[in-house]
Protein backbone atom coordinates (compact mmCIF):
# COMPACT_ATOMS: atom_id res chain seq x y z
CA MET A 1 -7.97 6.73 11.81
CA THR A 2 -7.51 3.39 13.57
CA GLN A 3 -4.10 2.99 11.94
CA ILE A 4 -2.98 6.33 13.32
CA ARG A 5 -4.36 5.43 16.73
CA SER A 6 -2.56 2.08 16.74
CA LEU A 7 0.63 3.80 15.59
CA LEU A 8 0.40 6.28 18.46
CA ILE A 9 -0.30 3.51 20.96
CA GLY A 10 2.66 1.53 19.62
CA THR A 11 5.00 4.49 19.93
CA ALA A 12 3.75 5.15 23.45
CA LEU A 13 4.41 1.51 24.41
CA THR A 14 7.85 1.73 22.84
CA ALA A 15 8.58 4.87 24.84
CA PHE A 16 7.46 3.17 28.05
CA ALA A 17 9.56 0.10 27.28
CA ALA A 18 12.58 2.25 26.53
CA THR A 19 12.07 4.16 29.77
CA ALA A 20 11.78 0.89 31.69
CA ALA A 21 14.92 -0.46 30.00
CA PHE A 22 16.75 2.72 30.91
CA ALA A 23 15.56 2.48 34.51
CA GLN A 24 16.67 -1.16 34.73
CA THR A 25 20.12 -0.39 33.39
CA ALA A 26 20.41 2.62 35.71
CA GLN A 27 19.64 0.54 38.81
CA PRO A 28 22.42 -2.04 38.33
CA ALA A 29 24.79 0.80 37.60
CA ALA A 30 23.84 2.38 40.92
CA GLY A 31 24.35 -0.97 42.60
CA MET A 32 27.78 -1.28 41.02
CA ASN A 33 28.62 2.23 42.14
CA GLY A 34 27.41 1.33 45.63
CA GLN A 35 29.63 -1.75 45.60
CA ALA A 36 32.48 0.31 44.31
CA GLN A 37 31.91 2.79 47.11
CA VAL A 38 31.91 -0.02 49.67
CA GLN A 39 35.15 -1.32 48.21
CA ALA A 40 36.56 2.19 48.11
CA GLN A 41 35.86 2.64 51.80
CA GLY A 42 37.97 -0.37 52.67
CA ALA A 43 40.70 0.31 50.12
CA VAL A 44 42.23 3.03 48.00
CA ASP A 45 40.00 5.19 45.72
CA ALA A 46 41.71 3.81 42.58
CA PRO A 47 39.42 0.72 42.21
CA ALA A 48 36.31 2.96 42.23
CA ALA A 49 37.42 4.92 39.17
CA PRO A 50 37.65 1.88 36.82
CA ALA A 51 34.26 0.64 38.04
CA ALA A 52 32.72 4.04 37.31
CA GLN A 53 34.32 4.05 33.89
CA GLY A 54 32.91 0.59 33.19
CA VAL A 55 29.40 1.74 34.12
CA GLN A 56 29.37 4.89 31.98
CA PRO A 57 29.46 3.16 28.56
CA VAL A 58 26.49 0.98 29.56
CA THR A 59 24.13 3.90 30.31
CA PRO A 60 24.35 5.64 26.89
CA ALA A 61 23.06 2.53 25.05
CA PRO A 62 19.48 2.86 26.42
CA THR A 63 19.46 6.55 25.52
CA ARG A 64 19.86 5.51 21.89
CA LEU A 65 16.71 3.43 22.28
CA THR A 66 14.75 6.42 23.55
CA ALA A 67 16.08 8.63 20.75
CA SER A 68 14.57 6.39 18.06
CA GLY A 69 11.02 6.94 19.34
CA SER A 70 10.54 10.54 20.37
CA THR A 71 8.12 11.26 23.21
CA ASP A 72 7.35 14.72 21.84
CA PRO A 73 3.69 14.69 20.76
CA LEU A 74 4.37 17.07 17.86
CA VAL A 75 7.09 14.79 16.50
CA GLN A 76 4.81 11.78 16.90
CA LYS A 77 2.02 13.63 15.09
CA ARG A 78 4.37 14.63 12.29
CA GLU A 79 5.58 11.04 11.91
CA ALA A 80 2.01 9.72 11.99
CA ASN A 81 0.98 12.26 9.35
CA ALA A 82 3.94 11.32 7.17
CA GLN A 83 3.06 7.64 7.44
CA ALA A 84 -0.62 8.33 6.73
CA ASN A 85 0.34 10.42 3.69
CA ALA A 86 2.60 7.66 2.42
CA GLU A 87 -0.17 5.07 2.84
CA TYR A 88 -2.65 7.39 1.11
CA LYS A 89 -0.30 7.94 -1.82
CA ALA A 90 0.32 4.21 -2.14
CA SER A 91 -3.40 3.43 -2.04
CA LYS A 92 -4.13 6.21 -4.52
CA LYS A 93 -1.47 4.88 -6.89
CA ALA A 94 -2.86 1.34 -6.59
CA SER A 95 -6.39 2.59 -7.24
CA LYS A 96 -5.21 4.57 -10.24
CA THR A 97 -3.48 1.56 -11.80
CA GLU A 98 -6.55 -0.58 -11.12
CA LEU A 99 -8.77 2.05 -12.74
CA LYS A 100 -6.48 2.17 -15.79
CA GLN A 101 -6.67 -1.62 -16.10
CA GLN A 102 -10.47 -1.54 -15.86
CA GLU A 103 -10.65 1.23 -18.46
CA LYS A 104 -8.35 -0.72 -20.77
CA ALA A 105 -10.50 -3.85 -20.39
CA ALA A 106 -13.70 -1.86 -21.00
CA LYS A 107 -12.16 -0.21 -24.07
CA SER A 108 -11.10 -3.55 -25.55
CA GLN A 109 -14.55 -4.99 -24.83
CA TYR A 110 -16.16 -1.96 -26.51
CA LYS A 111 -13.93 -2.35 -29.57
CA GLU A 112 -14.83 -6.03 -29.79
CA GLN A 113 -18.54 -5.21 -29.60
CA VAL A 114 -18.18 -2.57 -32.31
CA ARG A 115 -16.27 -5.02 -34.51
CA ASP A 116 -18.97 -7.67 -33.99
CA ALA A 117 -21.69 -5.12 -34.73
CA LYS A 118 -19.96 -4.16 -37.98
CA ILE A 119 -19.67 -7.82 -38.95
CA ASN A 120 -23.35 -8.37 -38.13
CA GLN A 121 -24.29 -5.26 -40.09
CA LYS A 122 -22.32 -6.51 -43.12
CA ALA A 123 -23.96 -9.91 -42.83
CA ASP A 124 -27.41 -8.32 -42.56
CA LYS A 125 -26.74 -6.19 -45.65
CA GLN A 126 -25.48 -9.22 -47.56
CA ALA A 127 -28.54 -11.22 -46.55
CA ALA A 128 -30.82 -8.37 -47.56
CA ASN A 129 -29.04 -8.03 -50.89
CA ASN A 130 -29.27 -11.78 -51.50
CA GLU A 131 -32.95 -11.77 -50.59
CA MET A 132 -33.57 -8.82 -52.87
CA LYS A 133 -31.73 -10.55 -55.72
CA MET A 134 -33.78 -13.71 -55.14
CA ASN A 135 -36.97 -11.67 -55.18
CA MET A 136 -35.88 -9.91 -58.32
CA GLN A 137 -35.04 -13.22 -60.02
CA GLY A 138 -38.36 -14.67 -58.86
CA GLN A 139 -40.27 -11.69 -60.19
CA ALA A 140 -38.30 -11.82 -63.43
CA ALA A 141 -39.13 -15.54 -63.81
CA ALA A 142 -42.80 -14.84 -63.07
CA GLN A 143 -42.81 -12.10 -65.62
CA ASP A 144 -41.17 -14.40 -68.14
CA ASP A 145 -43.82 -17.05 -67.42
CA GLY A 146 -46.52 -14.45 -67.67
CA ALA A 147 -45.10 -13.17 -70.92
CA ASP A 148 -45.26 -16.65 -72.42
CA VAL A 149 -48.85 -17.07 -71.38
CA LYS A 150 -49.92 -13.78 -72.96
CA HIS A 151 -48.44 -14.60 -76.31
């Protein structure tokens, strides 16, 4: 919300600056026309026409500045919404890629834990089998010793 607010304030300041620039360029043009009129009073009207022609190309330049930032509130709202949507989509895309990376890391960690658990399970089975074999050999030796004593 603060981004939209700052965007609207920025466009408003741009509009004011463009209006001020237009007003400043309009005033010297009026001064030039006034000078041209003073000169025209003392001379022929021909010098006033080139001065007026020289002033006209200067005034359209500021209008281009005002056209870039519309003062229409609906246009500003549409532009702000478009920018907010673009930012939202970019943030959503970044979050999605981050989530995929986290899921990939969690999956690899899970696979590693499963692999370690299988290795531990194999080792436990092997140890149990070895222990059982040792017990069986020990019992067999005890039985052999016992068999010798009985005879």
